[in-house]
Protein backbone atom coordinates (compact mmCIF):
# COMPACT_ATOMS: atom_id res chain seq x y z
CA MET A 1 76.42 -13.49 174.02
CA GLU A 2 80.08 -14.47 174.18
CA THR A 3 81.90 -15.10 170.84
CA LEU A 4 84.91 -17.47 170.99
CA ALA A 5 87.87 -17.00 168.65
CA ARG A 6 88.43 -19.24 165.51
CA THR A 7 91.68 -21.16 165.36
CA PHE A 8 92.02 -21.22 161.68
CA ILE A 9 94.19 -23.92 160.38
CA GLY A 10 95.58 -24.10 156.52
CA ILE A 11 95.69 -27.20 154.59
CA ASP A 12 97.89 -27.55 151.28
CA VAL A 13 96.01 -30.58 149.42
CA SER A 14 97.87 -33.07 147.05
CA LYS A 15 97.48 -36.44 145.88
CA ASP A 16 99.65 -38.09 148.68
CA ASP A 17 99.90 -35.47 151.43
CA LEU A 18 97.97 -33.02 153.46
CA VAL A 19 100.57 -30.39 154.32
CA THR A 20 98.92 -28.52 157.56
CA ALA A 21 99.79 -25.21 159.17
CA PHE A 22 98.72 -25.09 162.91
CA PRO A 23 99.19 -21.42 164.43
CA SER A 24 101.69 -21.22 167.34
CA GLU A 25 102.69 -18.62 169.69
CA LYS A 26 104.30 -15.66 168.49
CA GLU A 27 102.24 -15.72 165.19
CA GLN A 28 104.37 -18.43 164.04
CA TRP A 29 103.20 -21.50 162.37
CA ASP A 30 103.59 -25.39 163.19
CA VAL A 31 103.60 -27.15 159.62
CA VAL A 32 102.75 -30.80 159.72
CA ASN A 33 102.29 -33.33 156.77
CA PHE A 34 99.98 -36.16 156.78
CA GLY A 35 99.17 -38.39 154.46
CA ASN A 36 96.24 -38.20 152.40
CA ALA A 37 94.75 -41.72 153.29
CA GLU A 38 92.82 -43.00 156.14
CA ALA A 39 95.25 -43.18 158.73
CA GLY A 40 96.59 -39.84 157.81
CA ILE A 41 93.49 -37.98 157.48
CA ALA A 42 92.49 -39.57 161.00
CA ALA A 43 95.55 -38.36 162.75
CA LEU A 44 94.82 -34.60 161.03
CA VAL A 45 91.36 -34.70 162.11
CA GLN A 46 92.61 -35.62 165.87
CA LYS A 47 95.28 -32.99 165.73
CA VAL A 48 92.67 -30.44 164.25
CA LYS A 49 90.36 -31.09 166.93
CA GLU A 50 92.90 -30.65 169.92
CA HIS A 51 92.75 -26.81 169.11
CA PRO A 52 89.99 -24.43 170.26
CA ALA A 53 87.33 -23.54 167.91
CA PRO A 54 88.99 -25.11 164.75
CA HIS A 55 88.07 -23.85 161.42
CA VAL A 56 89.81 -25.21 158.39
CA VAL A 57 90.74 -23.23 154.89
CA LEU A 58 91.72 -25.35 151.93
CA GLU A 59 91.44 -24.75 148.36
CA ALA A 60 89.22 -27.29 146.21
CA THR A 61 91.32 -29.88 144.71
CA GLY A 62 88.68 -32.50 143.53
CA ASN A 63 89.05 -36.08 144.44
CA TYR A 64 92.06 -35.15 146.50
CA SER A 65 90.49 -32.86 148.69
CA MET A 66 87.14 -34.77 149.14
CA LYS A 67 88.15 -37.37 151.72
CA VAL A 68 89.20 -34.93 154.11
CA VAL A 69 86.60 -32.51 153.96
CA PHE A 70 84.14 -35.32 154.42
CA ALA A 71 86.28 -36.50 157.44
CA LEU A 72 86.20 -33.07 158.97
CA CYS A 73 82.88 -32.12 158.55
CA GLU A 74 81.68 -35.78 159.92
CA ASN A 75 83.67 -34.47 163.02
CA GLN A 76 81.76 -31.30 163.36
CA VAL A 77 85.03 -28.96 162.30
CA PRO A 78 83.85 -26.02 160.14
CA VAL A 79 85.72 -26.19 156.65
CA SER A 80 86.24 -23.70 153.96
CA VAL A 81 86.64 -24.71 150.78
CA LEU A 82 87.93 -21.80 148.29
CA ASN A 83 88.01 -21.69 144.80
CA PRO A 84 91.85 -22.05 143.61
CA LYS A 85 91.71 -18.80 141.51
CA GLN A 86 90.04 -16.97 144.71
CA SER A 87 93.21 -17.52 146.84
CA LYS A 88 96.06 -17.37 144.42
CA GLY A 89 96.47 -13.75 144.23
CA PHE A 90 96.18 -13.64 147.86
CA ILE A 91 98.93 -16.39 148.12
CA GLN A 92 101.05 -14.68 145.78
CA GLY A 93 100.70 -11.60 147.72
CA VAL A 94 101.31 -12.94 151.19
CA LEU A 95 104.20 -14.94 150.25
CA LEU A 96 105.82 -11.97 148.51
CA SER A 97 108.42 -14.52 146.90
CA THR A 98 109.13 -16.66 143.77
CA THR A 99 109.73 -19.48 146.10
CA LYS A 100 106.54 -21.45 146.22
CA THR A 101 106.15 -24.64 148.79
CA ASP A 102 103.29 -26.60 150.25
CA ALA A 103 104.12 -25.46 153.64
CA LYS A 104 103.96 -21.68 152.68
CA ASP A 105 101.06 -22.18 150.90
CA ALA A 106 99.52 -23.93 153.85
CA CYS A 107 100.31 -20.90 156.21
CA ALA A 108 98.72 -18.64 153.51
CA LEU A 109 95.34 -20.34 153.51
CA ALA A 110 95.44 -20.28 157.38
CA LEU A 111 96.36 -16.61 157.09
CA TYR A 112 93.20 -16.17 154.67
CA GLY A 113 90.87 -17.64 157.22
CA GLN A 114 91.98 -15.45 159.72
CA LEU A 115 91.42 -12.24 157.55
CA GLU A 116 88.04 -13.23 155.96
């Protein structure tokens, strides 16, 4: 049986934004910001579905992450919702920097999916 490689996509969720890291060539990331509202979530789902075998990784942020998780599941996109305490140490280790940004967090979450 052939196993299809997953495309891990990281999302840093906040009240207003869904900062999303998509893998690109040469182990780089394309970071795209979507609004955390109906139109932004719909655009995000469409973009995610353009990738082969997508799997989204994000942190649980209560009400802020619920709508995007629901929309992804409704569109049959696998989602891993991490406990922020679980991912915090990993993200700090990956960033190796005191400068924390939403884009860096999104990339680290995608990387976390690749390594798990």
